[in-house]
Amino acid sequence: MAYYDLKCHSLLVPMILNNNQYYVPFHLHTIKNASLNQEKNTAYLRVNFHTPLAYGKDIVVPNLEHIKQTMFIKELTLKSETGGHNL
């Protein structure tokens, strides 16, 4: 189940690593757009993120050339089989 932290303006997404569940925060400014689709009892929350190649003229991209193994998440899809209430 994903949560939105109103105080920190962050989307907390659950991720499992070595059988432990962690919540990874994504700040509101890193999210480009989000959509919620429902099909019967299944709901999908798709989140698209800003990436360095997708920025427009008015957004400043930090210089990350010094970090050789930088990775970016372009999109993320969360699925709930109990409807959209538990995303």
C-alpha atoms as a PDB file:
ATOM      1  CA  MET A   1       0.000   0.000   0.000  1.00  0.00           C
ATOM      2  CA  ALA A   2       1.431   3.368  -1.024  1.00  0.00           C
ATOM      3  CA  TYR A   3       1.084   6.428   1.193  1.00  0.00           C
ATOM      4  CA  TYR A   4       1.321  10.150   0.601  1.00  0.00           C
ATOM      5  CA  ASP A   5       3.130  12.129   3.295  1.00  0.00           C
ATOM      6  CA  LEU A   6       1.444  15.536   3.402  1.00  0.00           C
ATOM      7  CA  LYS A   7       4.101  17.075   5.632  1.00  0.00           C
ATOM      8  CA  CYS A   8       7.052  16.127   3.396  1.00  0.00           C
ATOM      9  CA  HIS A   9       5.115  16.200   0.089  1.00  0.00           C
ATOM     10  CA  SER A  10       6.338  12.697  -0.750  1.00  0.00           C
ATOM     11  CA  LEU A  11       4.839   9.529  -2.168  1.00  0.00           C
ATOM     12  CA  LEU A  12       5.962   6.531  -0.095  1.00  0.00           C
ATOM     13  CA  VAL A  13       6.137   3.389  -2.237  1.00  0.00           C
ATOM     14  CA  PRO A  14       6.648  -0.059  -0.686  1.00  0.00           C
ATOM     15  CA  MET A  15       9.600  -2.078  -2.001  1.00  0.00           C
ATOM     16  CA  ILE A  16      10.787  -5.500  -0.856  1.00  0.00           C
ATOM     17  CA  LEU A  17      14.498  -6.257  -0.485  1.00  0.00           C
ATOM     18  CA  ASN A  18      15.774  -9.474   1.138  1.00  0.00           C
ATOM     19  CA  ASN A  19      12.272 -10.274   2.460  1.00  0.00           C
ATOM     20  CA  ASN A  20      12.097  -6.890   4.230  1.00  0.00           C
ATOM     21  CA  GLN A  21       9.615  -4.224   3.213  1.00  0.00           C
ATOM     22  CA  TYR A  22      10.880  -0.651   2.930  1.00  0.00           C
ATOM     23  CA  TYR A  23       9.087   2.538   1.955  1.00  0.00           C
ATOM     24  CA  VAL A  24      10.970   4.541  -0.651  1.00  0.00           C
ATOM     25  CA  PRO A  25      10.069   8.265  -0.748  1.00  0.00           C
ATOM     26  CA  PHE A  26       9.561  10.120  -4.021  1.00  0.00           C
ATOM     27  CA  HIS A  27       9.182  13.882  -3.653  1.00  0.00           C
ATOM     28  CA  LEU A  28       6.233  15.558  -5.358  1.00  0.00           C
ATOM     29  CA  HIS A  29       8.534  17.563  -7.649  1.00  0.00           C
ATOM     30  CA  THR A  30       9.994  14.363  -9.141  1.00  0.00           C
ATOM     31  CA  ILE A  31       6.536  13.211 -10.311  1.00  0.00           C
ATOM     32  CA  LYS A  32       5.589  14.290 -13.822  1.00  0.00           C
ATOM     33  CA  ASN A  33       2.028  12.885 -13.734  1.00  0.00           C
ATOM     34  CA  ALA A  34      -0.030  10.053 -12.296  1.00  0.00           C
ATOM     35  CA  SER A  35      -3.147   8.197 -13.393  1.00  0.00           C
ATOM     36  CA  LEU A  36      -5.517   5.736 -11.752  1.00  0.00           C
ATOM     37  CA  ASN A  37      -7.216   3.068 -13.883  1.00  0.00           C
ATOM     38  CA  GLN A  38      -9.805   0.627 -12.568  1.00  0.00           C
ATOM     39  CA  GLU A  39     -10.876  -2.645 -14.131  1.00  0.00           C
ATOM     40  CA  LYS A  40     -13.519  -4.544 -12.126  1.00  0.00           C
ATOM     41  CA  ASN A  41     -11.847  -5.300  -8.765  1.00  0.00           C
ATOM     42  CA  THR A  42      -8.337  -4.290  -9.837  1.00  0.00           C
ATOM     43  CA  ALA A  43      -6.889  -0.785  -9.735  1.00  0.00           C
ATOM     44  CA  TYR A  44      -3.623   0.413 -11.268  1.00  0.00           C
ATOM     45  CA  LEU A  45      -1.815   3.560 -10.186  1.00  0.00           C
ATOM     46  CA  ARG A  46       0.738   4.597 -12.798  1.00  0.00           C
ATOM     47  CA  VAL A  47       3.272   7.269 -11.847  1.00  0.00           C
ATOM     48  CA  ASN A  48       5.548   8.902 -14.438  1.00  0.00           C
ATOM     49  CA  PHE A  49       8.665  10.677 -13.207  1.00  0.00           C
ATOM     50  CA  HIS A  50      10.751  13.510 -14.568  1.00  0.00           C
ATOM     51  CA  THR A  51      13.999  12.261 -16.089  1.00  0.00           C
ATOM     52  CA  PRO A  52      16.951  14.345 -17.313  1.00  0.00           C
ATOM     53  CA  LEU A  53      16.100  13.739 -20.970  1.00  0.00           C
ATOM     54  CA  ALA A  54      12.434  14.668 -20.500  1.00  0.00           C
ATOM     55  CA  TYR A  55      12.909  18.125 -18.959  1.00  0.00           C
ATOM     56  CA  GLY A  56      11.641  21.194 -20.754  1.00  0.00           C
ATOM     57  CA  LYS A  57      13.222  24.611 -21.101  1.00  0.00           C
ATOM     58  CA  ASP A  58      11.968  25.941 -17.778  1.00  0.00           C
ATOM     59  CA  ILE A  59      13.323  23.122 -15.576  1.00  0.00           C
ATOM     60  CA  VAL A  60      16.975  23.076 -14.529  1.00  0.00           C
ATOM     61  CA  VAL A  61      18.643  19.647 -14.593  1.00  0.00           C
ATOM     62  CA  PRO A  62      21.491  19.106 -12.123  1.00  0.00           C
ATOM     63  CA  ASN A  63      24.839  18.066 -13.575  1.00  0.00           C
ATOM     64  CA  LEU A  64      25.194  14.356 -12.744  1.00  0.00           C
ATOM     65  CA  GLU A  65      28.134  13.503 -15.007  1.00  0.00           C
ATOM     66  CA  HIS A  66      30.405  12.942 -12.003  1.00  0.00           C
ATOM     67  CA  ILE A  67      28.175  10.053 -10.869  1.00  0.00           C
ATOM     68  CA  LYS A  68      28.861   7.330 -13.414  1.00  0.00           C
ATOM     69  CA  GLN A  69      26.271   4.811 -12.241  1.00  0.00           C
ATOM     70  CA  THR A  70      23.303   7.133 -11.868  1.00  0.00           C
ATOM     71  CA  MET A  71      19.953   5.486 -12.482  1.00  0.00           C
ATOM     72  CA  PHE A  72      16.545   7.066 -12.953  1.00  0.00           C
ATOM     73  CA  ILE A  73      13.069   5.612 -12.623  1.00  0.00           C
ATOM     74  CA  LYS A  74      10.944   6.669 -15.565  1.00  0.00           C
ATOM     75  CA  GLU A  75       7.641   5.075 -14.517  1.00  0.00           C
ATOM     76  CA  LEU A  76       6.171   2.978 -11.756  1.00  0.00           C
ATOM     77  CA  THR A  77       2.920   0.994 -11.671  1.00  0.00           C
ATOM     78  CA  LEU A  78       1.216  -0.107  -8.472  1.00  0.00           C
ATOM     79  CA  LYS A  79      -1.542  -2.730  -8.532  1.00  0.00           C
ATOM     80  CA  SER A  80      -4.334  -3.309  -6.014  1.00  0.00           C
ATOM     81  CA  GLU A  81      -6.734  -6.213  -6.350  1.00  0.00           C
ATOM     82  CA  THR A  82      -9.167  -4.792  -3.793  1.00  0.00           C
ATOM     83  CA  GLY A  83     -10.059  -1.743  -5.836  1.00  0.00           C
ATOM     84  CA  GLY A  84      -8.505   1.706  -5.670  1.00  0.00           C
ATOM     85  CA  HIS A  85      -8.904   2.198  -1.927  1.00  0.00           C
ATOM     86  CA  ASN A  86      -5.692   0.436  -0.925  1.00  0.00           C
ATOM     87  CA  LEU A  87      -3.207   1.964  -3.317  1.00  0.00           C
END
